[in-house]
């Protein structure tokens, strides 16, 4: 092998190692319309992008009540945990809990 080929291999290993150790998080979030007339509860893997989608009108269910601001979010290790918490926040008990928090 040439010297150039030998130098490329460690770089690929470093990139692979970095991606292997990358930790992906999931979020449950609560948005409130700025006029405080509507609330939206959801989950996502990328919180900042998702809020931008809501405020840009790309989400049908929130488009009419823009702009939105985030009032609560929680971080989870798995999508299943985030979905479970989202369902809790949408339940009667979860809505009461949110009223005390927000």
PDB file of N, CA and C in Angstrom:
ATOM      1  N   UNK A   1       0.821  -1.200   0.000  1.00  0.00           N
ATOM      2  CA  UNK A   1       0.000   0.000   0.000  1.00  0.00           C
ATOM      3  C   UNK A   1       0.862   1.259   0.000  1.00  0.00           C
ATOM      4  N   UNK A   2       0.353   2.279  -0.610  1.00  0.00           N
ATOM      5  CA  UNK A   2       1.087   3.539  -0.622  1.00  0.00           C
ATOM      6  C   UNK A   2       0.859   4.253   0.700  1.00  0.00           C
ATOM      7  N   UNK A   3       1.674   5.250   0.920  1.00  0.00           N
ATOM      8  CA  UNK A   3       1.580   6.011   2.158  1.00  0.00           C
ATOM      9  C   UNK A   3       0.211   6.703   2.264  1.00  0.00           C
ATOM     10  N   UNK A   4      -0.318   7.202   1.169  1.00  0.00           N
ATOM     11  CA  UNK A   4      -1.603   7.883   1.159  1.00  0.00           C
ATOM     12  C   UNK A   4      -2.736   6.934   1.593  1.00  0.00           C
ATOM     13  N   UNK A   5      -2.736   5.691   1.131  1.00  0.00           N
ATOM     14  CA  UNK A   5      -3.772   4.722   1.502  1.00  0.00           C
ATOM     15  C   UNK A   5      -3.726   4.397   2.992  1.00  0.00           C
ATOM     16  N   UNK A   6      -2.560   4.292   3.549  1.00  0.00           N
ATOM     17  CA  UNK A   6      -2.410   3.986   4.968  1.00  0.00           C
ATOM     18  C   UNK A   6      -2.958   5.135   5.813  1.00  0.00           C
ATOM     19  N   UNK A   7      -2.791   6.365   5.379  1.00  0.00           N
ATOM     20  CA  UNK A   7      -3.275   7.511   6.135  1.00  0.00           C
ATOM     21  C   UNK A   7      -4.792   7.613   6.102  1.00  0.00           C
ATOM     22  N   UNK A   8      -5.441   7.143   5.067  1.00  0.00           N
ATOM     23  CA  UNK A   8      -6.902   7.226   4.985  1.00  0.00           C
ATOM     24  C   UNK A   8      -7.593   6.283   5.956  1.00  0.00           C
ATOM     25  N   UNK A   9      -7.024   5.138   6.211  1.00  0.00           N
ATOM     26  CA  UNK A   9      -7.675   4.127   7.053  1.00  0.00           C
ATOM     27  C   UNK A   9      -7.945   4.641   8.469  1.00  0.00           C
ATOM     28  N   UNK A  10      -6.985   5.220   9.185  1.00  0.00           N
ATOM     29  CA  UNK A  10      -7.295   5.699  10.538  1.00  0.00           C
ATOM     30  C   UNK A  10      -8.389   6.771  10.555  1.00  0.00           C
ATOM     31  N   UNK A  11      -8.459   7.608   9.545  1.00  0.00           N
ATOM     32  CA  UNK A  11      -9.501   8.627   9.501  1.00  0.00           C
ATOM     33  C   UNK A  11     -10.881   7.974   9.420  1.00  0.00           C
ATOM     34  N   UNK A  12     -11.019   6.937   8.625  1.00  0.00           N
ATOM     35  CA  UNK A  12     -12.293   6.233   8.528  1.00  0.00           C
ATOM     36  C   UNK A  12     -12.652   5.584   9.853  1.00  0.00           C
ATOM     37  N   UNK A  13     -11.687   5.042  10.537  1.00  0.00           N
ATOM     38  CA  UNK A  13     -11.926   4.413  11.837  1.00  0.00           C
ATOM     39  C   UNK A  13     -12.404   5.457  12.843  1.00  0.00           C
ATOM     40  N   UNK A  14     -11.791   6.624  12.835  1.00  0.00           N
ATOM     41  CA  UNK A  14     -12.201   7.680  13.751  1.00  0.00           C
ATOM     42  C   UNK A  14     -13.632   8.118  13.481  1.00  0.00           C
ATOM     43  N   UNK A  15     -14.003   8.264  12.240  1.00  0.00           N
ATOM     44  CA  UNK A  15     -15.362   8.662  11.891  1.00  0.00           C
ATOM     45  C   UNK A  15     -16.351   7.590  12.337  1.00  0.00           C
ATOM     46  N   UNK A  16     -16.030   6.337  12.095  1.00  0.00           N
ATOM     47  CA  UNK A  16     -16.900   5.236  12.506  1.00  0.00           C
ATOM     48  C   UNK A  16     -17.059   5.223  14.024  1.00  0.00           C
ATOM     49  N   UNK A  17     -15.969   5.386  14.747  1.00  0.00           N
ATOM     50  CA  UNK A  17     -16.017   5.378  16.210  1.00  0.00           C
ATOM     51  C   UNK A  17     -16.881   6.531  16.713  1.00  0.00           C
ATOM     52  N   UNK A  18     -16.745   7.688  16.118  1.00  0.00           N
ATOM     53  CA  UNK A  18     -17.543   8.846  16.526  1.00  0.00           C
ATOM     54  C   UNK A  18     -19.030   8.559  16.339  1.00  0.00           C
ATOM     55  N   UNK A  19     -19.406   8.042  15.183  1.00  0.00           N
ATOM     56  CA  UNK A  19     -20.815   7.757  14.919  1.00  0.00           C
ATOM     57  C   UNK A  19     -21.332   6.636  15.812  1.00  0.00           C
ATOM     58  N   UNK A  20     -20.490   5.687  16.116  1.00  0.00           N
ATOM     59  CA  UNK A  20     -20.898   4.570  16.957  1.00  0.00           C
ATOM     60  C   UNK A  20     -21.260   5.054  18.360  1.00  0.00           C
ATOM     61  N   UNK A  21     -20.547   6.042  18.864  1.00  0.00           N
ATOM     62  CA  UNK A  21     -20.779   6.546  20.215  1.00  0.00           C
ATOM     63  C   UNK A  21     -21.809   7.676  20.265  1.00  0.00           C
ATOM     64  N   UNK A  22     -22.353   8.065  19.148  1.00  0.00           N
ATOM     65  CA  UNK A  22     -23.331   9.137  19.096  1.00  0.00           C
ATOM     66  C   UNK A  22     -24.614   8.699  19.784  1.00  0.00           C
ATOM     67  N   UNK A  23     -25.129   9.509  20.672  1.00  0.00           N
ATOM     68  CA  UNK A  23     -26.323   9.170  21.441  1.00  0.00           C
ATOM     69  C   UNK A  23     -27.513   9.935  20.878  1.00  0.00           C
ATOM     70  N   UNK A  24     -28.542   9.231  20.480  1.00  0.00           N
ATOM     71  CA  UNK A  24     -29.738   9.858  19.920  1.00  0.00           C
ATOM     72  C   UNK A  24     -30.775   9.985  21.019  1.00  0.00           C
ATOM     73  N   UNK A  25     -31.347  11.179  21.148  1.00  0.00           N
ATOM     74  CA  UNK A  25     -32.349  11.439  22.176  1.00  0.00           C
ATOM     75  C   UNK A  25     -33.700  11.719  21.516  1.00  0.00           C
ATOM     76  N   UNK A  26     -34.747  11.519  22.282  1.00  0.00           N
ATOM     77  CA  UNK A  26     -36.109  11.786  21.836  1.00  0.00           C
ATOM     78  C   UNK A  26     -36.759  12.721  22.842  1.00  0.00           C
ATOM     79  N   UNK A  27     -37.683  13.530  22.366  1.00  0.00           N
ATOM     80  CA  UNK A  27     -38.285  14.561  23.198  1.00  0.00           C
ATOM     81  C   UNK A  27     -39.804  14.503  23.118  1.00  0.00           C
ATOM     82  N   UNK A  28     -40.440  14.779  24.250  1.00  0.00           N
ATOM     83  CA  UNK A  28     -41.868  15.077  24.298  1.00  0.00           C
ATOM     84  C   UNK A  28     -41.948  16.564  24.595  1.00  0.00           C
ATOM     85  N   UNK A  29     -42.828  17.270  23.895  1.00  0.00           N
ATOM     86  CA  UNK A  29     -42.872  18.717  24.055  1.00  0.00           C
ATOM     87  C   UNK A  29     -44.303  19.230  24.078  1.00  0.00           C
ATOM     88  N   UNK A  30     -44.452  20.429  24.650  1.00  0.00           N
ATOM     89  CA  UNK A  30     -45.749  21.105  24.691  1.00  0.00           C
ATOM     90  C   UNK A  30     -45.548  22.499  24.119  1.00  0.00           C
ATOM     91  N   UNK A  31     -46.391  22.833  23.150  1.00  0.00           N
ATOM     92  CA  UNK A  31     -46.387  24.169  22.557  1.00  0.00           C
ATOM     93  C   UNK A  31     -47.661  24.903  22.951  1.00  0.00           C
ATOM     94  N   UNK A  32     -47.551  26.202  23.091  1.00  0.00           N
ATOM     95  CA  UNK A  32     -48.711  27.064  23.333  1.00  0.00           C
ATOM     96  C   UNK A  32     -48.701  28.126  22.242  1.00  0.00           C
ATOM     97  N   UNK A  33     -49.883  28.369  21.665  1.00  0.00           N
ATOM     98  CA  UNK A  33     -49.957  29.456  20.675  1.00  0.00           C
ATOM     99  C   UNK A  33     -49.710  30.769  21.401  1.00  0.00           C
ATOM    100  N   UNK A  34     -49.162  31.746  20.700  1.00  0.00           N
ATOM    101  CA  UNK A  34     -48.795  33.008  21.328  1.00  0.00           C
ATOM    102  C   UNK A  34     -50.014  33.690  21.953  1.00  0.00           C
ATOM    103  N   UNK A  35     -51.183  33.565  21.337  1.00  0.00           N
ATOM    104  CA  UNK A  35     -52.390  34.151  21.939  1.00  0.00           C
ATOM    105  C   UNK A  35     -52.964  33.267  23.054  1.00  0.00           C
ATOM    106  N   UNK A  36     -52.292  32.152  23.357  1.00  0.00           N
ATOM    107  CA  UNK A  36     -52.610  31.216  24.438  1.00  0.00           C
ATOM    108  C   UNK A  36     -53.991  30.580  24.303  1.00  0.00           C
ATOM    109  N   UNK A  37     -54.484  30.501  23.087  1.00  0.00           N
ATOM    110  CA  UNK A  37     -55.794  29.895  22.876  1.00  0.00           C
ATOM    111  C   UNK A  37     -55.702  28.400  22.574  1.00  0.00           C
ATOM    112  N   UNK A  38     -54.525  27.911  22.182  1.00  0.00           N
ATOM    113  CA  UNK A  38     -54.374  26.502  21.816  1.00  0.00           C
ATOM    114  C   UNK A  38     -53.074  25.919  22.369  1.00  0.00           C
ATOM    115  N   UNK A  39     -53.139  24.604  22.611  1.00  0.00           N
ATOM    116  CA  UNK A  39     -51.983  23.867  23.100  1.00  0.00           C
ATOM    117  C   UNK A  39     -51.762  22.675  22.172  1.00  0.00           C
ATOM    118  N   UNK A  40     -50.510  22.321  21.951  1.00  0.00           N
ATOM    119  CA  UNK A  40     -50.168  21.159  21.130  1.00  0.00           C
ATOM    120  C   UNK A  40     -49.133  20.323  21.867  1.00  0.00           C
ATOM    121  N   UNK A  41     -49.357  19.003  21.911  1.00  0.00           N
ATOM    122  CA  UNK A  41     -48.436  18.077  22.563  1.00  0.00           C
ATOM    123  C   UNK A  41     -47.936  17.096  21.514  1.00  0.00           C
ATOM    124  N   UNK A  42     -46.619  16.884  21.463  1.00  0.00           N
ATOM    125  CA  UNK A  42     -46.061  15.970  20.476  1.00  0.00           C
ATOM    126  C   UNK A  42     -44.735  15.395  20.931  1.00  0.00           C
ATOM    127  N   UNK A  43     -44.129  14.583  20.067  1.00  0.00           N
ATOM    128  CA  UNK A  43     -42.801  14.034  20.337  1.00  0.00           C
ATOM    129  C   UNK A  43     -41.971  14.137  19.064  1.00  0.00           C
ATOM    130  N   UNK A  44     -40.661  14.173  19.228  1.00  0.00           N
ATOM    131  CA  UNK A  44     -39.765  14.326  18.095  1.00  0.00           C
ATOM    132  C   UNK A  44     -38.356  13.879  18.468  1.00  0.00           C
ATOM    133  N   UNK A  45     -37.532  13.741  17.461  1.00  0.00           N
ATOM    134  CA  UNK A  45     -36.121  13.435  17.669  1.00  0.00           C
ATOM    135  C   UNK A  45     -35.282  14.711  17.599  1.00  0.00           C
ATOM    136  N   UNK A  46     -35.770  15.740  16.891  1.00  0.00           N
ATOM    137  CA  UNK A  46     -35.043  16.989  16.742  1.00  0.00           C
ATOM    138  C   UNK A  46     -35.969  18.137  17.130  1.00  0.00           C
ATOM    139  N   UNK A  47     -35.828  18.603  18.336  1.00  0.00           N
ATOM    140  CA  UNK A  47     -36.756  19.573  18.905  1.00  0.00           C
ATOM    141  C   UNK A  47     -36.746  20.912  18.172  1.00  0.00           C
ATOM    142  N   UNK A  48     -35.587  21.448  17.880  1.00  0.00           N
ATOM    143  CA  UNK A  48     -35.531  22.772  17.235  1.00  0.00           C
ATOM    144  C   UNK A  48     -36.116  22.724  15.825  1.00  0.00           C
ATOM    145  N   UNK A  49     -35.820  21.665  15.069  1.00  0.00           N
ATOM    146  CA  UNK A  49     -36.400  21.547  13.728  1.00  0.00           C
ATOM    147  C   UNK A  49     -37.912  21.400  13.774  1.00  0.00           C
ATOM    148  N   UNK A  50     -38.399  20.633  14.736  1.00  0.00           N
ATOM    149  CA  UNK A  50     -39.841  20.395  14.819  1.00  0.00           C
ATOM    150  C   UNK A  50     -40.593  21.676  15.148  1.00  0.00           C
ATOM    151  N   UNK A  51     -40.072  22.485  16.026  1.00  0.00           N
ATOM    152  CA  UNK A  51     -40.724  23.751  16.367  1.00  0.00           C
ATOM    153  C   UNK A  51     -40.711  24.683  15.156  1.00  0.00           C
ATOM    154  N   UNK A  52     -39.618  24.672  14.409  1.00  0.00           N
ATOM    155  CA  UNK A  52     -39.551  25.468  13.175  1.00  0.00           C
ATOM    156  C   UNK A  52     -40.617  25.017  12.182  1.00  0.00           C
ATOM    157  N   UNK A  53     -40.839  23.698  12.080  1.00  0.00           N
ATOM    158  CA  UNK A  53     -41.887  23.175  11.192  1.00  0.00           C
ATOM    159  C   UNK A  53     -43.258  23.691  11.615  1.00  0.00           C
ATOM    160  N   UNK A  54     -43.525  23.659  12.920  1.00  0.00           N
ATOM    161  CA  UNK A  54     -44.812  24.151  13.411  1.00  0.00           C
ATOM    162  C   UNK A  54     -44.988  25.630  13.069  1.00  0.00           C
ATOM    163  N   UNK A  55     -43.967  26.427  13.301  1.00  0.00           N
ATOM    164  CA  UNK A  55     -44.079  27.869  13.084  1.00  0.00           C
ATOM    165  C   UNK A  55     -44.025  28.268  11.611  1.00  0.00           C
ATOM    166  N   UNK A  56     -43.550  27.386  10.748  1.00  0.00           N
ATOM    167  CA  UNK A  56     -43.515  27.707   9.318  1.00  0.00           C
ATOM    168  C   UNK A  56     -44.795  27.282   8.601  1.00  0.00           C
ATOM    169  N   UNK A  57     -45.702  26.618   9.313  1.00  0.00           N
ATOM    170  CA  UNK A  57     -46.968  26.222   8.716  1.00  0.00           C
ATOM    171  C   UNK A  57     -46.942  24.884   8.012  1.00  0.00           C
ATOM    172  N   UNK A  58     -45.931  24.075   8.242  1.00  0.00           N
ATOM    173  CA  UNK A  58     -45.809  22.786   7.563  1.00  0.00           C
ATOM    174  C   UNK A  58     -46.574  21.662   8.267  1.00  0.00           C
ATOM    175  N   UNK A  59     -47.145  21.953   9.432  1.00  0.00           N
ATOM    176  CA  UNK A  59     -47.924  20.957  10.172  1.00  0.00           C
ATOM    177  C   UNK A  59     -49.389  21.377  10.107  1.00  0.00           C
ATOM    178  N   UNK A  60     -50.199  20.554   9.488  1.00  0.00           N
ATOM    179  CA  UNK A  60     -51.598  20.904   9.238  1.00  0.00           C
ATOM    180  C   UNK A  60     -52.367  21.251  10.513  1.00  0.00           C
ATOM    181  N   UNK A  61     -52.165  20.479  11.570  1.00  0.00           N
ATOM    182  CA  UNK A  61     -52.957  20.682  12.784  1.00  0.00           C
ATOM    183  C   UNK A  61     -52.563  21.931  13.574  1.00  0.00           C
ATOM    184  N   UNK A  62     -51.408  22.513  13.305  1.00  0.00           N
ATOM    185  CA  UNK A  62     -50.989  23.706  14.049  1.00  0.00           C
ATOM    186  C   UNK A  62     -50.886  24.957  13.180  1.00  0.00           C
ATOM    187  N   UNK A  63     -51.067  24.797  11.903  1.00  0.00           N
ATOM    188  CA  UNK A  63     -50.863  25.896  10.949  1.00  0.00           C
ATOM    189  C   UNK A  63     -51.726  27.129  11.255  1.00  0.00           C
ATOM    190  N   UNK A  64     -52.971  26.914  11.608  1.00  0.00           N
ATOM    191  CA  UNK A  64     -53.910  28.023  11.796  1.00  0.00           C
ATOM    192  C   UNK A  64     -53.675  28.817  13.074  1.00  0.00           C
ATOM    193  N   UNK A  65     -52.879  28.305  13.995  1.00  0.00           N
ATOM    194  CA  UNK A  65     -52.741  28.946  15.301  1.00  0.00           C
ATOM    195  C   UNK A  65     -51.344  29.488  15.548  1.00  0.00           C
ATOM    196  N   UNK A  66     -50.571  29.668  14.489  1.00  0.00           N
ATOM    197  CA  UNK A  66     -49.211  30.187  14.594  1.00  0.00           C
ATOM    198  C   UNK A  66     -49.214  31.611  15.116  1.00  0.00           C
ATOM    199  N   UNK A  67     -48.130  32.058  15.709  1.00  0.00           N
ATOM    200  CA  UNK A  67     -46.892  31.358  16.044  1.00  0.00           C
ATOM    201  C   UNK A  67     -47.025  30.593  17.363  1.00  0.00           C
ATOM    202  N   UNK A  68     -46.102  29.660  17.555  1.00  0.00           N
ATOM    203  CA  UNK A  68     -46.072  28.797  18.732  1.00  0.00           C
ATOM    204  C   UNK A  68     -44.819  29.070  19.535  1.00  0.00           C
ATOM    205  N   UNK A  69     -44.917  28.836  20.843  1.00  0.00           N
ATOM    206  CA  UNK A  69     -43.721  28.876  21.686  1.00  0.00           C
ATOM    207  C   UNK A  69     -43.712  27.621  22.546  1.00  0.00           C
ATOM    208  N   UNK A  70     -42.528  27.120  22.816  1.00  0.00           N
ATOM    209  CA  UNK A  70     -42.399  25.909  23.618  1.00  0.00           C
ATOM    210  C   UNK A  70     -42.474  26.287  25.096  1.00  0.00           C
ATOM    211  N   UNK A  71     -43.294  25.554  25.848  1.00  0.00           N
ATOM    212  CA  UNK A  71     -43.443  25.834  27.272  1.00  0.00           C
ATOM    213  C   UNK A  71     -42.966  24.671  28.144  1.00  0.00           C
ATOM    214  N   UNK A  72     -42.763  23.499  27.522  1.00  0.00           N
ATOM    215  CA  UNK A  72     -42.315  22.332  28.285  1.00  0.00           C
ATOM    216  C   UNK A  72     -41.725  21.321  27.320  1.00  0.00           C
ATOM    217  N   UNK A  73     -40.640  20.679  27.737  1.00  0.00           N
ATOM    218  CA  UNK A  73     -40.132  19.525  27.004  1.00  0.00           C
ATOM    219  C   UNK A  73     -39.395  18.616  27.970  1.00  0.00           C
ATOM    220  N   UNK A  74     -39.334  17.346  27.616  1.00  0.00           N
ATOM    221  CA  UNK A  74     -38.617  16.362  28.416  1.00  0.00           C
ATOM    222  C   UNK A  74     -37.862  15.435  27.476  1.00  0.00           C
ATOM    223  N   UNK A  75     -36.687  15.002  27.903  1.00  0.00           N
ATOM    224  CA  UNK A  75     -35.785  14.198  27.080  1.00  0.00           C
ATOM    225  C   UNK A  75     -35.876  12.717  27.485  1.00  0.00           C
ATOM    226  N   UNK A  76     -35.859  11.829  26.465  1.00  0.00           N
ATOM    227  CA  UNK A  76     -35.944  10.389  26.703  1.00  0.00           C
ATOM    228  C   UNK A  76     -34.904   9.658  25.870  1.00  0.00           C
ATOM    229  N   UNK A  77     -34.550   8.453  26.319  1.00  0.00           N
ATOM    230  CA  UNK A  77     -33.565   7.640  25.610  1.00  0.00           C
ATOM    231  C   UNK A  77     -34.156   6.896  24.422  1.00  0.00           C
ATOM    232  N   UNK A  78     -35.451   6.605  24.444  1.00  0.00           N
ATOM    233  CA  UNK A  78     -36.077   5.857  23.362  1.00  0.00           C
ATOM    234  C   UNK A  78     -37.327   6.562  22.867  1.00  0.00           C
ATOM    235  N   UNK A  79     -37.692   6.287  21.628  1.00  0.00           N
ATOM    236  CA  UNK A  79     -38.915   6.841  21.051  1.00  0.00           C
ATOM    237  C   UNK A  79     -40.140   6.335  21.815  1.00  0.00           C
ATOM    238  N   UNK A  80     -40.108   5.074  22.236  1.00  0.00           N
ATOM    239  CA  UNK A  80     -41.237   4.493  22.956  1.00  0.00           C
ATOM    240  C   UNK A  80     -41.519   5.243  24.257  1.00  0.00           C
ATOM    241  N   UNK A  81     -40.457   5.619  24.982  1.00  0.00           N
ATOM    242  CA  UNK A  81     -40.633   6.385  26.215  1.00  0.00           C
ATOM    243  C   UNK A  81     -41.235   7.754  25.926  1.00  0.00           C
ATOM    244  N   UNK A  82     -40.773   8.402  24.868  1.00  0.00           N
ATOM    245  CA  UNK A  82     -41.305   9.716  24.499  1.00  0.00           C
ATOM    246  C   UNK A  82     -42.779   9.622  24.124  1.00  0.00           C
ATOM    247  N   UNK A  83     -43.149   8.605  23.368  1.00  0.00           N
ATOM    248  CA  UNK A  83     -44.553   8.417  22.973  1.00  0.00           C
ATOM    249  C   UNK A  83     -45.408   8.130  24.201  1.00  0.00           C
ATOM    250  N   UNK A  84     -44.909   7.314  25.102  1.00  0.00           N
ATOM    251  CA  UNK A  84     -45.652   6.998  26.319  1.00  0.00           C
ATOM    252  C   UNK A  84     -45.908   8.264  27.135  1.00  0.00           C
ATOM    253  N   UNK A  85     -44.905   9.129  27.249  1.00  0.00           N
ATOM    254  CA  UNK A  85     -45.080  10.378  28.000  1.00  0.00           C
ATOM    255  C   UNK A  85     -46.035  11.327  27.264  1.00  0.00           C
ATOM    256  N   UNK A  86     -45.967  11.349  25.944  1.00  0.00           N
ATOM    257  CA  UNK A  86     -46.901  12.164  25.164  1.00  0.00           C
ATOM    258  C   UNK A  86     -48.340  11.718  25.439  1.00  0.00           C
ATOM    259  N   UNK A  87     -48.585  10.414  25.433  1.00  0.00           N
ATOM    260  CA  UNK A  87     -49.925   9.893  25.719  1.00  0.00           C
ATOM    261  C   UNK A  87     -50.373  10.262  27.133  1.00  0.00           C
ATOM    262  N   UNK A  88     -49.441  10.209  28.071  1.00  0.00           N
ATOM    263  CA  UNK A  88     -49.765  10.602  29.445  1.00  0.00           C
ATOM    264  C   UNK A  88     -50.196  12.073  29.495  1.00  0.00           C
ATOM    265  N   UNK A  89     -49.431  12.952  28.826  1.00  0.00           N
ATOM    266  CA  UNK A  89     -49.759  14.378  28.850  1.00  0.00           C
ATOM    267  C   UNK A  89     -51.097  14.676  28.180  1.00  0.00           C
ATOM    268  N   UNK A  90     -51.528  13.823  27.270  1.00  0.00           N
ATOM    269  CA  UNK A  90     -52.818  13.997  26.594  1.00  0.00           C
ATOM    270  C   UNK A  90     -53.979  13.393  27.386  1.00  0.00           C
ATOM    271  N   UNK A  91     -53.673  12.652  28.444  1.00  0.00           N
ATOM    272  CA  UNK A  91     -54.719  12.048  29.271  1.00  0.00           C
ATOM    273  C   UNK A  91     -55.282  13.091  30.248  1.00  0.00           C
ATOM    274  N   UNK A  92     -56.380  12.761  30.911  1.00  0.00           N
ATOM    275  CA  UNK A  92     -56.976  13.675  31.896  1.00  0.00           C
ATOM    276  C   UNK A  92     -55.991  14.008  33.012  1.00  0.00           C
ATOM    277  N   UNK A  93     -55.333  12.989  33.528  1.00  0.00           N
ATOM    278  CA  UNK A  93     -54.375  13.198  34.621  1.00  0.00           C
ATOM    279  C   UNK A  93     -53.189  14.032  34.134  1.00  0.00           C
ATOM    280  N   UNK A  94     -52.723  13.753  32.932  1.00  0.00           N
ATOM    281  CA  UNK A  94     -51.605  14.499  32.368  1.00  0.00           C
ATOM    282  C   UNK A  94     -51.952  15.959  32.109  1.00  0.00           C
ATOM    283  N   UNK A  95     -53.164  16.211  31.628  1.00  0.00           N
ATOM    284  CA  UNK A  95     -53.595  17.606  31.420  1.00  0.00           C
ATOM    285  C   UNK A  95     -53.639  18.369  32.735  1.00  0.00           C
ATOM    286  N   UNK A  96     -54.127  17.705  33.795  1.00  0.00           N
ATOM    287  CA  UNK A  96     -54.145  18.348  35.115  1.00  0.00           C
ATOM    288  C   UNK A  96     -52.719  18.623  35.598  1.00  0.00           C
ATOM    289  N   UNK A  97     -51.823  17.681  35.371  1.00  0.00           N
ATOM    290  CA  UNK A  97     -50.428  17.863  35.760  1.00  0.00           C
ATOM    291  C   UNK A  97     -49.827  19.052  35.014  1.00  0.00           C
ATOM    292  N   UNK A  98     -50.141  19.162  33.710  1.00  0.00           N
ATOM    293  CA  UNK A  98     -49.623  20.278  32.918  1.00  0.00           C
ATOM    294  C   UNK A  98     -50.140  21.623  33.400  1.00  0.00           C
ATOM    295  N   UNK A  99     -51.405  21.672  33.811  1.00  0.00           N
ATOM    296  CA  UNK A  99     -51.961  22.940  34.325  1.00  0.00           C
ATOM    297  C   UNK A  99     -51.173  23.450  35.512  1.00  0.00           C
ATOM    298  N   UNK A 100     -50.709  22.534  36.359  1.00  0.00           N
ATOM    299  CA  UNK A 100     -49.909  22.934  37.536  1.00  0.00           C
ATOM    300  C   UNK A 100     -48.505  23.377  37.136  1.00  0.00           C
ATOM    301  N   UNK A 101     -47.954  22.776  36.071  1.00  0.00           N
ATOM    302  CA  UNK A 101     -46.589  23.072  35.642  1.00  0.00           C
ATOM    303  C   UNK A 101     -46.483  24.336  34.794  1.00  0.00           C
ATOM    304  N   UNK A 102     -47.494  24.579  33.985  1.00  0.00           N
ATOM    305  CA  UNK A 102     -47.424  25.698  33.019  1.00  0.00           C
ATOM    306  C   UNK A 102     -48.150  26.918  33.549  1.00  0.00           C
TER     307      UNK A 102
END
